[in-house]
């Protein structure tokens, strides 16, 4: 039982990222694994909880540095 501000501060101290950023990076790491296993961009976006594959592609490129299609190859 702690406030969100305390949780955010502790999370940032331990991981170097606030909670939302940390979760985004965890999702993108999972997406990388799925793409390398041969999953489609649409299936990967759905598997990590993103309904819109276009939004997923933009976010993936911003974080990873490559578009999901380019990452797969």
N, C-alpha and C. Protein backbone atom coordinates (compact mmCIF):
# COMPACT_ATOMS: atom_id res chain seq x y z
N UNK A 1 0.84 -1.17 0.00
CA UNK A 1 0.00 0.00 0.00
C UNK A 1 0.89 1.24 0.00
N UNK A 2 1.10 1.75 -1.20
CA UNK A 2 1.89 2.98 -1.35
C UNK A 2 1.25 3.84 -2.42
N UNK A 3 1.57 5.09 -2.37
CA UNK A 3 1.00 6.01 -3.35
C UNK A 3 1.63 5.76 -4.72
N UNK A 4 0.94 6.24 -5.76
CA UNK A 4 1.48 6.08 -7.11
C UNK A 4 2.81 6.83 -7.23
N UNK A 5 2.91 7.99 -6.61
CA UNK A 5 4.15 8.77 -6.68
C UNK A 5 5.31 7.99 -6.08
N UNK A 6 5.07 7.32 -4.95
CA UNK A 6 6.12 6.51 -4.33
C UNK A 6 6.48 5.32 -5.21
N UNK A 7 5.46 4.67 -5.76
CA UNK A 7 5.71 3.54 -6.66
C UNK A 7 6.53 3.97 -7.87
N UNK A 8 6.13 5.08 -8.47
CA UNK A 8 6.84 5.60 -9.65
C UNK A 8 8.30 5.90 -9.33
N UNK A 9 8.53 6.52 -8.17
CA UNK A 9 9.89 6.85 -7.77
C UNK A 9 10.73 5.58 -7.55
N UNK A 10 10.17 4.60 -6.86
CA UNK A 10 10.90 3.34 -6.62
C UNK A 10 11.15 2.58 -7.91
N UNK A 11 10.16 2.55 -8.78
CA UNK A 11 10.31 1.87 -10.07
C UNK A 11 11.40 2.53 -10.90
N UNK A 12 11.40 3.84 -10.93
CA UNK A 12 12.41 4.58 -11.69
C UNK A 12 13.80 4.35 -11.11
N UNK A 13 13.91 4.30 -9.80
CA UNK A 13 15.21 4.05 -9.16
C UNK A 13 15.72 2.65 -9.48
N UNK A 14 14.84 1.67 -9.48
CA UNK A 14 15.26 0.28 -9.70
C UNK A 14 15.51 -0.08 -11.15
N UNK A 15 14.69 0.48 -12.05
CA UNK A 15 14.80 0.08 -13.46
C UNK A 15 15.40 1.15 -14.35
N UNK A 16 15.42 2.38 -13.85
CA UNK A 16 15.90 3.48 -14.67
C UNK A 16 14.82 4.08 -15.55
N UNK A 17 13.59 3.56 -15.44
CA UNK A 17 12.47 4.03 -16.27
C UNK A 17 11.22 4.14 -15.41
N UNK A 18 10.36 5.11 -15.70
CA UNK A 18 9.06 5.13 -15.03
C UNK A 18 8.22 3.94 -15.49
N UNK A 19 7.18 3.59 -14.75
CA UNK A 19 6.40 2.38 -15.05
C UNK A 19 5.92 2.26 -16.49
N UNK A 20 5.34 3.30 -17.06
CA UNK A 20 4.80 3.21 -18.42
C UNK A 20 5.90 2.94 -19.43
N UNK A 21 7.02 3.59 -19.29
CA UNK A 21 8.15 3.37 -20.21
C UNK A 21 8.69 1.96 -20.06
N UNK A 22 8.81 1.49 -18.82
CA UNK A 22 9.29 0.14 -18.56
C UNK A 22 8.39 -0.89 -19.22
N UNK A 23 7.07 -0.73 -19.06
CA UNK A 23 6.12 -1.67 -19.65
C UNK A 23 6.22 -1.64 -21.18
N UNK A 24 6.35 -0.44 -21.75
CA UNK A 24 6.50 -0.33 -23.21
C UNK A 24 7.72 -1.09 -23.69
N UNK A 25 8.82 -0.97 -22.98
CA UNK A 25 10.05 -1.67 -23.38
C UNK A 25 9.90 -3.19 -23.23
N UNK A 26 9.24 -3.63 -22.19
CA UNK A 26 8.98 -5.07 -22.01
C UNK A 26 8.14 -5.59 -23.18
N UNK A 27 7.11 -4.83 -23.56
CA UNK A 27 6.26 -5.24 -24.68
C UNK A 27 7.05 -5.29 -25.99
N UNK A 28 7.92 -4.32 -26.20
CA UNK A 28 8.70 -4.30 -27.44
C UNK A 28 9.73 -5.43 -27.46
N UNK A 29 10.29 -5.79 -26.31
CA UNK A 29 11.18 -6.95 -26.25
C UNK A 29 10.43 -8.23 -26.62
N UNK A 30 9.21 -8.35 -26.12
CA UNK A 30 8.37 -9.51 -26.47
C UNK A 30 8.03 -9.50 -27.95
N UNK A 31 7.75 -8.31 -28.47
CA UNK A 31 7.45 -8.18 -29.90
C UNK A 31 8.65 -8.61 -30.74
N UNK A 32 9.84 -8.25 -30.34
CA UNK A 32 11.05 -8.66 -31.07
C UNK A 32 11.13 -10.18 -31.13
N UNK A 33 10.88 -10.82 -30.00
CA UNK A 33 10.93 -12.28 -29.95
C UNK A 33 9.89 -12.89 -30.89
N UNK A 34 8.68 -12.38 -30.84
CA UNK A 34 7.61 -12.92 -31.69
C UNK A 34 7.92 -12.71 -33.17
N UNK A 35 8.42 -11.53 -33.52
CA UNK A 35 8.75 -11.26 -34.93
C UNK A 35 9.85 -12.20 -35.41
N UNK A 36 10.85 -12.43 -34.57
CA UNK A 36 11.94 -13.33 -34.96
C UNK A 36 11.46 -14.78 -35.09
N UNK A 37 10.39 -15.11 -34.40
CA UNK A 37 9.82 -16.45 -34.49
C UNK A 37 8.92 -16.60 -35.71
N UNK A 38 8.74 -15.52 -36.45
CA UNK A 38 7.98 -15.60 -37.69
C UNK A 38 6.55 -15.11 -37.63
N UNK A 39 6.14 -14.54 -36.51
CA UNK A 39 4.78 -14.01 -36.40
C UNK A 39 4.63 -12.77 -37.27
N UNK A 40 3.44 -12.55 -37.76
CA UNK A 40 3.17 -11.36 -38.57
C UNK A 40 3.13 -10.13 -37.68
N UNK A 41 3.22 -8.97 -38.30
CA UNK A 41 3.15 -7.71 -37.56
C UNK A 41 1.80 -7.60 -36.86
N UNK A 42 0.74 -7.95 -37.55
CA UNK A 42 -0.60 -7.87 -36.96
C UNK A 42 -0.74 -8.82 -35.77
N UNK A 43 -0.29 -10.06 -35.93
CA UNK A 43 -0.39 -11.03 -34.83
C UNK A 43 0.48 -10.60 -33.65
N UNK A 44 1.62 -10.03 -33.93
CA UNK A 44 2.51 -9.57 -32.86
C UNK A 44 1.88 -8.41 -32.10
N UNK A 45 1.31 -7.46 -32.83
CA UNK A 45 0.69 -6.32 -32.16
C UNK A 45 -0.46 -6.78 -31.27
N UNK A 46 -1.25 -7.73 -31.75
CA UNK A 46 -2.35 -8.26 -30.94
C UNK A 46 -1.83 -9.02 -29.72
N UNK A 47 -0.75 -9.77 -29.90
CA UNK A 47 -0.20 -10.57 -28.81
C UNK A 47 0.33 -9.72 -27.66
N UNK A 48 0.79 -8.51 -27.97
CA UNK A 48 1.30 -7.65 -26.89
C UNK A 48 0.25 -6.65 -26.41
N UNK A 49 -0.99 -6.81 -26.89
CA UNK A 49 -2.09 -6.01 -26.39
C UNK A 49 -2.33 -4.70 -27.12
N UNK A 50 -1.84 -4.59 -28.34
CA UNK A 50 -2.07 -3.38 -29.13
C UNK A 50 -3.00 -3.75 -30.28
N UNK A 51 -4.15 -3.11 -30.33
CA UNK A 51 -5.15 -3.45 -31.35
C UNK A 51 -4.80 -2.93 -32.73
N UNK A 52 -4.11 -1.80 -32.77
CA UNK A 52 -3.83 -1.14 -34.04
C UNK A 52 -2.41 -1.45 -34.51
N UNK A 53 -2.24 -2.27 -35.55
CA UNK A 53 -0.90 -2.62 -36.01
C UNK A 53 -0.11 -1.41 -36.52
N UNK A 54 -0.82 -0.38 -37.00
CA UNK A 54 -0.11 0.82 -37.48
C UNK A 54 0.50 1.59 -36.31
N UNK A 55 -0.24 1.70 -35.24
CA UNK A 55 0.30 2.35 -34.04
C UNK A 55 1.46 1.53 -33.48
N UNK A 56 1.29 0.21 -33.45
CA UNK A 56 2.37 -0.66 -33.00
C UNK A 56 3.62 -0.45 -33.84
N UNK A 57 3.46 -0.38 -35.15
CA UNK A 57 4.62 -0.20 -36.03
C UNK A 57 5.35 1.11 -35.76
N UNK A 58 4.60 2.18 -35.56
CA UNK A 58 5.22 3.48 -35.28
C UNK A 58 5.96 3.45 -33.94
N UNK A 59 5.34 2.87 -32.92
CA UNK A 59 5.96 2.79 -31.61
C UNK A 59 7.18 1.87 -31.63
N UNK A 60 7.06 0.75 -32.32
CA UNK A 60 8.18 -0.19 -32.44
C UNK A 60 9.38 0.50 -33.08
N UNK A 61 9.15 1.22 -34.16
CA UNK A 61 10.24 1.91 -34.84
C UNK A 61 10.87 2.98 -33.95
N UNK A 62 10.04 3.69 -33.19
CA UNK A 62 10.56 4.72 -32.30
C UNK A 62 11.44 4.14 -31.20
N UNK A 63 11.09 2.95 -30.71
CA UNK A 63 11.84 2.34 -29.61
C UNK A 63 13.01 1.49 -30.12
N UNK A 64 12.75 0.66 -31.10
CA UNK A 64 13.76 -0.29 -31.58
C UNK A 64 14.68 0.32 -32.63
N UNK A 65 14.15 1.24 -33.42
CA UNK A 65 14.96 1.88 -34.45
C UNK A 65 14.76 1.32 -35.84
N UNK A 66 13.96 0.29 -35.95
CA UNK A 66 13.63 -0.32 -37.25
C UNK A 66 12.15 -0.60 -37.28
N UNK A 67 11.59 -0.59 -38.47
CA UNK A 67 10.19 -0.99 -38.63
C UNK A 67 10.09 -2.50 -38.37
N UNK A 68 8.95 -2.98 -37.88
CA UNK A 68 8.81 -4.41 -37.59
C UNK A 68 9.14 -5.30 -38.80
N UNK A 69 8.73 -4.89 -40.01
CA UNK A 69 9.02 -5.69 -41.20
C UNK A 69 10.51 -5.77 -41.43
N UNK A 70 11.23 -4.68 -41.24
CA UNK A 70 12.68 -4.67 -41.43
C UNK A 70 13.38 -5.47 -40.33
N UNK A 71 12.81 -5.48 -39.14
CA UNK A 71 13.39 -6.21 -38.03
C UNK A 71 13.35 -7.71 -38.27
N UNK A 72 12.28 -8.16 -38.90
CA UNK A 72 12.10 -9.59 -39.14
C UNK A 72 13.17 -10.17 -40.07
N UNK A 73 13.70 -9.35 -40.96
CA UNK A 73 14.66 -9.87 -41.94
C UNK A 73 16.08 -9.69 -41.50
